[in-house]
N, C-alpha and C. Protein backbone atom coordinates (compact mmCIF):
# COMPACT_ATOMS: atom_id res chain seq x y z
N UNK A 1 16.36 1.03 -3.48
CA UNK A 1 16.11 2.23 -2.71
C UNK A 1 14.68 2.17 -2.16
N UNK A 2 14.54 2.48 -0.92
CA UNK A 2 13.23 2.50 -0.29
C UNK A 2 12.75 3.93 -0.20
N UNK A 3 11.45 4.10 -0.16
CA UNK A 3 10.93 5.46 -0.11
C UNK A 3 9.60 5.52 0.58
N UNK A 4 8.99 6.69 0.47
CA UNK A 4 7.71 6.98 1.10
C UNK A 4 6.61 6.84 0.05
N UNK A 5 5.65 5.97 0.36
CA UNK A 5 4.53 5.71 -0.54
C UNK A 5 3.24 6.18 0.12
N UNK A 6 2.45 6.94 -0.62
CA UNK A 6 1.13 7.35 -0.16
C UNK A 6 0.11 6.48 -0.88
N UNK A 7 -0.72 5.79 -0.11
CA UNK A 7 -1.81 4.99 -0.65
C UNK A 7 -3.10 5.77 -0.40
N UNK A 8 -3.77 6.17 -1.48
CA UNK A 8 -5.05 6.86 -1.37
C UNK A 8 -6.11 5.88 -1.82
N UNK A 9 -6.81 5.32 -0.84
CA UNK A 9 -7.77 4.23 -1.10
C UNK A 9 -8.82 4.27 -0.01
N UNK A 10 -10.10 4.29 -0.40
CA UNK A 10 -11.16 4.36 0.60
C UNK A 10 -11.60 2.99 1.11
N UNK A 11 -11.18 1.92 0.48
CA UNK A 11 -11.48 0.57 0.98
C UNK A 11 -10.39 0.19 1.97
N UNK A 12 -10.75 0.11 3.24
CA UNK A 12 -9.77 -0.13 4.30
C UNK A 12 -9.03 -1.47 4.13
N UNK A 13 -9.71 -2.50 3.66
CA UNK A 13 -9.05 -3.79 3.47
C UNK A 13 -8.00 -3.72 2.37
N UNK A 14 -8.32 -3.07 1.27
CA UNK A 14 -7.38 -2.93 0.17
C UNK A 14 -6.19 -2.08 0.61
N UNK A 15 -6.47 -0.97 1.25
CA UNK A 15 -5.41 -0.07 1.71
C UNK A 15 -4.48 -0.78 2.69
N UNK A 16 -5.06 -1.49 3.64
CA UNK A 16 -4.27 -2.20 4.65
C UNK A 16 -3.39 -3.28 4.01
N UNK A 17 -3.94 -4.03 3.08
CA UNK A 17 -3.16 -5.07 2.40
C UNK A 17 -1.99 -4.47 1.63
N UNK A 18 -2.24 -3.35 0.94
CA UNK A 18 -1.16 -2.68 0.21
C UNK A 18 -0.10 -2.16 1.17
N UNK A 19 -0.55 -1.57 2.29
CA UNK A 19 0.40 -1.03 3.28
C UNK A 19 1.28 -2.14 3.84
N UNK A 20 0.68 -3.26 4.23
CA UNK A 20 1.45 -4.37 4.80
C UNK A 20 2.49 -4.87 3.79
N UNK A 21 2.07 -5.03 2.55
CA UNK A 21 2.98 -5.50 1.50
C UNK A 21 4.15 -4.53 1.32
N UNK A 22 3.84 -3.25 1.19
CA UNK A 22 4.90 -2.27 0.92
C UNK A 22 5.81 -2.05 2.13
N UNK A 23 5.25 -2.09 3.33
CA UNK A 23 6.11 -1.99 4.52
C UNK A 23 7.01 -3.21 4.64
N UNK A 24 6.51 -4.37 4.27
CA UNK A 24 7.33 -5.59 4.32
C UNK A 24 8.48 -5.54 3.32
N UNK A 25 8.34 -4.74 2.28
CA UNK A 25 9.42 -4.60 1.31
C UNK A 25 10.30 -3.38 1.60
N UNK A 26 10.09 -2.77 2.78
CA UNK A 26 11.00 -1.73 3.24
C UNK A 26 10.57 -0.29 3.05
N UNK A 27 9.38 -0.06 2.54
CA UNK A 27 8.93 1.30 2.28
C UNK A 27 8.19 1.87 3.48
N UNK A 28 8.24 3.17 3.62
CA UNK A 28 7.41 3.89 4.58
C UNK A 28 6.10 4.17 3.87
N UNK A 29 4.99 3.92 4.56
CA UNK A 29 3.68 4.05 3.92
C UNK A 29 2.78 4.95 4.75
N UNK A 30 2.07 5.83 4.05
CA UNK A 30 1.03 6.65 4.64
C UNK A 30 -0.26 6.33 3.90
N UNK A 31 -1.35 6.23 4.65
CA UNK A 31 -2.64 5.93 4.05
C UNK A 31 -3.56 7.15 4.15
N UNK A 32 -4.39 7.33 3.13
CA UNK A 32 -5.43 8.36 3.13
C UNK A 32 -6.66 7.76 2.47
N UNK A 33 -7.83 8.07 3.02
CA UNK A 33 -9.07 7.51 2.49
C UNK A 33 -9.89 8.53 1.70
N UNK A 34 -9.45 9.79 1.71
CA UNK A 34 -10.18 10.85 1.01
C UNK A 34 -9.20 11.79 0.32
N UNK A 35 -9.71 12.61 -0.58
CA UNK A 35 -8.84 13.59 -1.23
C UNK A 35 -8.30 14.57 -0.21
N UNK A 36 -9.14 14.97 0.74
CA UNK A 36 -8.72 15.91 1.79
C UNK A 36 -7.56 15.35 2.62
N UNK A 37 -7.68 14.09 3.04
CA UNK A 37 -6.61 13.46 3.81
C UNK A 37 -5.33 13.35 2.98
N UNK A 38 -5.47 13.02 1.70
CA UNK A 38 -4.30 12.89 0.84
C UNK A 38 -3.57 14.22 0.68
N UNK A 39 -4.31 15.28 0.45
CA UNK A 39 -3.69 16.59 0.30
C UNK A 39 -2.99 17.03 1.59
N UNK A 40 -3.56 16.67 2.73
CA UNK A 40 -2.95 17.03 4.02
C UNK A 40 -1.59 16.38 4.21
N UNK A 41 -1.38 15.21 3.62
CA UNK A 41 -0.08 14.53 3.73
C UNK A 41 1.03 15.40 3.14
N UNK A 42 0.71 16.18 2.12
CA UNK A 42 1.71 17.01 1.46
C UNK A 42 1.95 18.33 2.18
N UNK A 43 1.23 18.56 3.29
CA UNK A 43 1.47 19.75 4.10
C UNK A 43 2.76 19.64 4.91
N UNK A 44 3.31 18.43 5.03
CA UNK A 44 4.56 18.20 5.75
C UNK A 44 5.71 18.16 4.73
N UNK A 45 6.42 19.26 4.54
CA UNK A 45 7.48 19.29 3.54
C UNK A 45 8.70 18.44 3.91
N UNK A 46 8.78 17.99 5.16
CA UNK A 46 9.94 17.21 5.60
C UNK A 46 9.88 15.76 5.14
N UNK A 47 8.70 15.25 4.80
CA UNK A 47 8.58 13.85 4.42
C UNK A 47 7.52 13.66 3.33
N UNK A 48 7.72 14.30 2.16
CA UNK A 48 6.72 14.14 1.10
C UNK A 48 6.81 12.74 0.48
N UNK A 49 5.69 12.20 0.03
CA UNK A 49 5.73 10.90 -0.64
C UNK A 49 6.52 10.95 -1.94
N UNK A 50 7.23 9.87 -2.22
CA UNK A 50 7.92 9.72 -3.50
C UNK A 50 6.97 9.17 -4.56
N UNK A 51 6.06 8.30 -4.09
CA UNK A 51 5.10 7.64 -4.97
C UNK A 51 3.71 7.79 -4.35
N UNK A 52 2.73 8.14 -5.17
CA UNK A 52 1.34 8.20 -4.72
C UNK A 52 0.53 7.22 -5.56
N UNK A 53 -0.19 6.33 -4.89
CA UNK A 53 -1.09 5.38 -5.53
C UNK A 53 -2.50 5.91 -5.32
N UNK A 54 -3.15 6.37 -6.37
CA UNK A 54 -4.42 7.08 -6.26
C UNK A 54 -5.59 6.25 -6.76
N UNK A 55 -6.50 5.91 -5.84
CA UNK A 55 -7.78 5.33 -6.24
C UNK A 55 -8.56 6.43 -6.95
N UNK A 56 -9.26 6.08 -8.00
CA UNK A 56 -9.99 7.10 -8.74
C UNK A 56 -11.32 7.46 -8.12
N UNK A 57 -11.95 6.53 -7.41
CA UNK A 57 -13.27 6.78 -6.85
C UNK A 57 -13.17 6.88 -5.33
N UNK A 58 -13.28 8.11 -4.85
CA UNK A 58 -13.17 8.38 -3.42
C UNK A 58 -14.45 9.03 -2.94
N UNK A 59 -14.74 8.96 -1.64
CA UNK A 59 -16.00 9.51 -1.14
C UNK A 59 -16.16 11.01 -1.35
N UNK A 60 -15.05 11.73 -1.43
CA UNK A 60 -15.15 13.19 -1.59
C UNK A 60 -14.60 13.67 -2.94
N UNK A 61 -14.51 12.77 -3.92
CA UNK A 61 -14.08 13.22 -5.24
C UNK A 61 -13.28 12.19 -6.00
N UNK A 62 -12.74 12.64 -7.09
CA UNK A 62 -11.95 11.82 -8.00
C UNK A 62 -10.48 11.90 -7.58
N UNK A 63 -9.80 10.76 -7.54
CA UNK A 63 -8.40 10.75 -7.15
C UNK A 63 -7.51 11.63 -8.02
N UNK A 64 -7.91 11.84 -9.27
CA UNK A 64 -7.10 12.68 -10.15
C UNK A 64 -7.14 14.15 -9.72
N UNK A 65 -8.15 14.55 -8.97
CA UNK A 65 -8.18 15.92 -8.47
C UNK A 65 -7.03 16.17 -7.49
N UNK A 66 -6.61 15.11 -6.81
CA UNK A 66 -5.46 15.23 -5.91
C UNK A 66 -4.22 15.60 -6.71
N UNK A 67 -4.00 14.87 -7.80
CA UNK A 67 -2.83 15.14 -8.64
C UNK A 67 -2.89 16.54 -9.22
N UNK A 68 -4.05 16.93 -9.72
CA UNK A 68 -4.20 18.27 -10.30
C UNK A 68 -3.88 19.35 -9.27
N UNK A 69 -4.41 19.18 -8.08
CA UNK A 69 -4.18 20.18 -7.01
C UNK A 69 -2.70 20.23 -6.62
N UNK A 70 -2.07 19.07 -6.50
CA UNK A 70 -0.65 19.04 -6.15
C UNK A 70 0.21 19.66 -7.24
N UNK A 71 -0.15 19.44 -8.48
CA UNK A 71 0.57 20.07 -9.59
C UNK A 71 0.45 21.58 -9.51
N UNK A 72 -0.74 22.08 -9.22
CA UNK A 72 -0.97 23.52 -9.08
C UNK A 72 -0.11 24.11 -7.96
N UNK A 73 0.08 23.33 -6.89
CA UNK A 73 0.85 23.80 -5.73
C UNK A 73 2.36 23.55 -5.90
N UNK A 74 2.74 22.86 -6.96
CA UNK A 74 4.15 22.50 -7.15
C UNK A 74 4.63 21.45 -6.18
N UNK A 75 3.72 20.57 -5.72
CA UNK A 75 4.06 19.56 -4.72
C UNK A 75 3.81 18.13 -5.19
N UNK A 76 3.60 17.92 -6.46
CA UNK A 76 3.30 16.58 -6.95
C UNK A 76 4.47 15.64 -6.68
N UNK A 77 4.15 14.40 -6.29
CA UNK A 77 5.23 13.43 -6.07
C UNK A 77 5.90 13.08 -7.40
N UNK A 78 7.09 12.53 -7.31
CA UNK A 78 7.85 12.15 -8.51
C UNK A 78 7.05 11.17 -9.36
N UNK A 79 6.38 10.23 -8.72
CA UNK A 79 5.58 9.22 -9.42
C UNK A 79 4.17 9.21 -8.85
N UNK A 80 3.19 9.35 -9.72
CA UNK A 80 1.79 9.27 -9.33
C UNK A 80 1.14 8.21 -10.23
N UNK A 81 0.45 7.27 -9.60
CA UNK A 81 -0.12 6.14 -10.33
C UNK A 81 -1.61 6.02 -9.98
N UNK A 82 -2.44 5.90 -10.99
CA UNK A 82 -3.86 5.67 -10.77
C UNK A 82 -4.09 4.18 -10.54
N UNK A 83 -4.96 3.88 -9.59
CA UNK A 83 -5.34 2.50 -9.29
C UNK A 83 -6.86 2.45 -9.42
N UNK A 84 -7.33 1.62 -10.35
CA UNK A 84 -8.76 1.63 -10.67
C UNK A 84 -9.32 0.24 -10.92
N UNK A 85 -10.59 0.11 -10.75
CA UNK A 85 -11.28 -1.12 -11.08
C UNK A 85 -11.90 -1.06 -12.46
N UNK A 86 -11.68 0.04 -13.17
CA UNK A 86 -12.28 0.25 -14.50
C UNK A 86 -11.28 -0.08 -15.60
N UNK A 87 -11.44 -1.24 -16.21
CA UNK A 87 -10.58 -1.68 -17.31
C UNK A 87 -11.10 -1.06 -18.60
N UNK A 88 -10.74 0.20 -18.81
CA UNK A 88 -11.31 0.98 -19.90
C UNK A 88 -10.22 1.88 -20.49
N UNK A 89 -9.98 1.78 -21.80
CA UNK A 89 -8.94 2.61 -22.43
C UNK A 89 -9.18 4.11 -22.23
N UNK A 90 -10.45 4.52 -22.14
CA UNK A 90 -10.75 5.93 -21.93
C UNK A 90 -10.29 6.39 -20.55
N UNK A 91 -10.48 5.55 -19.54
CA UNK A 91 -10.03 5.86 -18.18
C UNK A 91 -8.51 5.97 -18.17
N UNK A 92 -7.85 5.00 -18.80
CA UNK A 92 -6.38 5.02 -18.87
C UNK A 92 -5.88 6.31 -19.54
N UNK A 93 -6.49 6.67 -20.65
CA UNK A 93 -6.08 7.89 -21.37
C UNK A 93 -6.25 9.12 -20.49
N UNK A 94 -7.38 9.18 -19.77
CA UNK A 94 -7.64 10.32 -18.88
C UNK A 94 -6.59 10.43 -17.79
N UNK A 95 -6.20 9.27 -17.23
CA UNK A 95 -5.21 9.25 -16.15
C UNK A 95 -3.84 9.68 -16.66
N UNK A 96 -3.44 9.16 -17.80
CA UNK A 96 -2.13 9.52 -18.35
C UNK A 96 -2.10 10.99 -18.76
N UNK A 97 -3.20 11.49 -19.31
CA UNK A 97 -3.27 12.90 -19.69
C UNK A 97 -3.18 13.82 -18.47
N UNK A 98 -3.67 13.33 -17.32
CA UNK A 98 -3.62 14.12 -16.08
C UNK A 98 -2.22 14.14 -15.48
N UNK A 99 -1.34 13.26 -15.96
CA UNK A 99 0.03 13.24 -15.45
C UNK A 99 0.41 12.00 -14.68
N UNK A 100 -0.45 10.99 -14.70
CA UNK A 100 -0.10 9.73 -14.03
C UNK A 100 1.01 9.02 -14.79
N UNK A 101 1.91 8.44 -14.06
CA UNK A 101 3.01 7.67 -14.62
C UNK A 101 2.52 6.35 -15.19
N UNK A 102 1.49 5.79 -14.56
CA UNK A 102 0.98 4.49 -14.96
C UNK A 102 -0.45 4.35 -14.44
N UNK A 103 -1.13 3.29 -14.88
CA UNK A 103 -2.48 2.98 -14.42
C UNK A 103 -2.50 1.49 -14.10
N UNK A 104 -2.89 1.17 -12.87
CA UNK A 104 -2.98 -0.22 -12.43
C UNK A 104 -4.43 -0.63 -12.27
N UNK A 105 -4.73 -1.85 -12.69
CA UNK A 105 -6.08 -2.38 -12.58
C UNK A 105 -6.20 -3.22 -11.32
N UNK A 106 -7.24 -2.91 -10.51
CA UNK A 106 -7.50 -3.68 -9.30
C UNK A 106 -8.12 -5.01 -9.67
N UNK A 107 -7.84 -6.05 -8.94
CA UNK A 107 -6.84 -6.10 -7.87
C UNK A 107 -5.44 -6.22 -8.46
N UNK A 108 -4.52 -5.45 -7.92
CA UNK A 108 -3.14 -5.48 -8.39
C UNK A 108 -2.44 -6.66 -7.72
N UNK A 109 -1.86 -7.58 -8.50
CA UNK A 109 -1.15 -8.71 -7.89
C UNK A 109 -0.03 -8.20 -6.97
N UNK A 110 0.09 -8.80 -5.80
CA UNK A 110 1.03 -8.34 -4.78
C UNK A 110 2.46 -8.26 -5.30
N UNK A 111 2.93 -9.30 -5.95
CA UNK A 111 4.31 -9.28 -6.47
C UNK A 111 4.52 -8.17 -7.48
N UNK A 112 3.51 -7.95 -8.32
CA UNK A 112 3.61 -6.90 -9.34
C UNK A 112 3.67 -5.53 -8.68
N UNK A 113 2.84 -5.30 -7.66
CA UNK A 113 2.85 -4.02 -6.98
C UNK A 113 4.20 -3.78 -6.31
N UNK A 114 4.71 -4.77 -5.61
CA UNK A 114 6.02 -4.63 -4.95
C UNK A 114 7.11 -4.36 -5.97
N UNK A 115 7.09 -5.07 -7.09
CA UNK A 115 8.10 -4.89 -8.14
C UNK A 115 8.03 -3.49 -8.73
N UNK A 116 6.81 -3.04 -9.03
CA UNK A 116 6.65 -1.72 -9.64
C UNK A 116 7.08 -0.60 -8.70
N UNK A 117 6.66 -0.65 -7.44
CA UNK A 117 7.04 0.41 -6.50
C UNK A 117 8.56 0.46 -6.36
N UNK A 118 9.20 -0.68 -6.27
CA UNK A 118 10.66 -0.71 -6.19
C UNK A 118 11.28 -0.11 -7.45
N UNK A 119 10.73 -0.44 -8.61
CA UNK A 119 11.25 0.13 -9.87
C UNK A 119 11.04 1.64 -9.92
N UNK A 120 9.89 2.11 -9.45
CA UNK A 120 9.63 3.55 -9.46
C UNK A 120 10.57 4.29 -8.53
N UNK A 121 11.00 3.65 -7.46
CA UNK A 121 11.94 4.27 -6.54
C UNK A 121 13.35 4.31 -7.12
N UNK A 122 13.59 3.50 -8.14
CA UNK A 122 14.91 3.41 -8.79
C UNK A 122 14.79 3.78 -10.26
N UNK A 123 14.63 5.05 -10.58
CA UNK A 123 14.39 5.44 -11.97
C UNK A 123 15.54 5.07 -12.92
N UNK A 124 16.73 4.88 -12.40
CA UNK A 124 17.86 4.50 -13.25
C UNK A 124 17.70 3.08 -13.79
N UNK A 125 16.79 2.31 -13.21
CA UNK A 125 16.54 0.93 -13.65
C UNK A 125 15.40 0.85 -14.65
N UNK A 126 14.97 1.98 -15.20
CA UNK A 126 13.91 1.97 -16.21
C UNK A 126 12.59 2.54 -15.75
N UNK A 127 12.40 2.75 -14.45
CA UNK A 127 11.22 3.43 -13.96
C UNK A 127 9.99 2.59 -13.78
N UNK A 128 9.93 1.41 -14.35
CA UNK A 128 8.82 0.49 -14.14
C UNK A 128 7.50 0.93 -14.75
N UNK A 129 6.95 0.08 -15.55
CA UNK A 129 5.60 0.26 -16.08
C UNK A 129 4.89 -1.06 -15.96
N UNK A 130 3.59 -1.00 -15.81
CA UNK A 130 2.82 -2.23 -15.65
C UNK A 130 2.29 -2.71 -16.98
N UNK A 131 1.92 -3.95 -16.98
CA UNK A 131 1.18 -4.53 -18.10
C UNK A 131 -0.23 -4.84 -17.63
N UNK A 132 -0.64 -4.22 -16.52
CA UNK A 132 -1.89 -4.56 -15.86
C UNK A 132 -3.11 -4.05 -16.61
N UNK A 133 -3.01 -2.91 -17.27
CA UNK A 133 -4.13 -2.36 -18.03
C UNK A 133 -3.57 -1.85 -19.35
N UNK A 134 -4.19 -2.21 -20.43
CA UNK A 134 -3.66 -1.85 -21.76
C UNK A 134 -4.22 -0.54 -22.25
């Protein structure tokens, strides 16, 4: 099953590479570089993202604030995943406590990202979890 993926990433090269990969595997992708842009994506109720990949360090705040705000509005995507360069159990715990389905460590291997997004779109197949960060 293909779906709509929101990539929230302020590094244009990383965001573009993820978009190209996910579009090549059949997903619709929207990119946002700030928390404000990410929240605006959810203003369109006709095409909400199924999966949100949230960078934790953004120019206008923490990526987890996006998830918190969407939860408050009742608009959180089915799957929200933190994407971080911080290989730290404390960061992972914070992300999971905030409601993230998983935490991925940058750089995320392309095949692993494609596999996980496909698994998250097909929850009957187990929902997909990474082994990228312990």
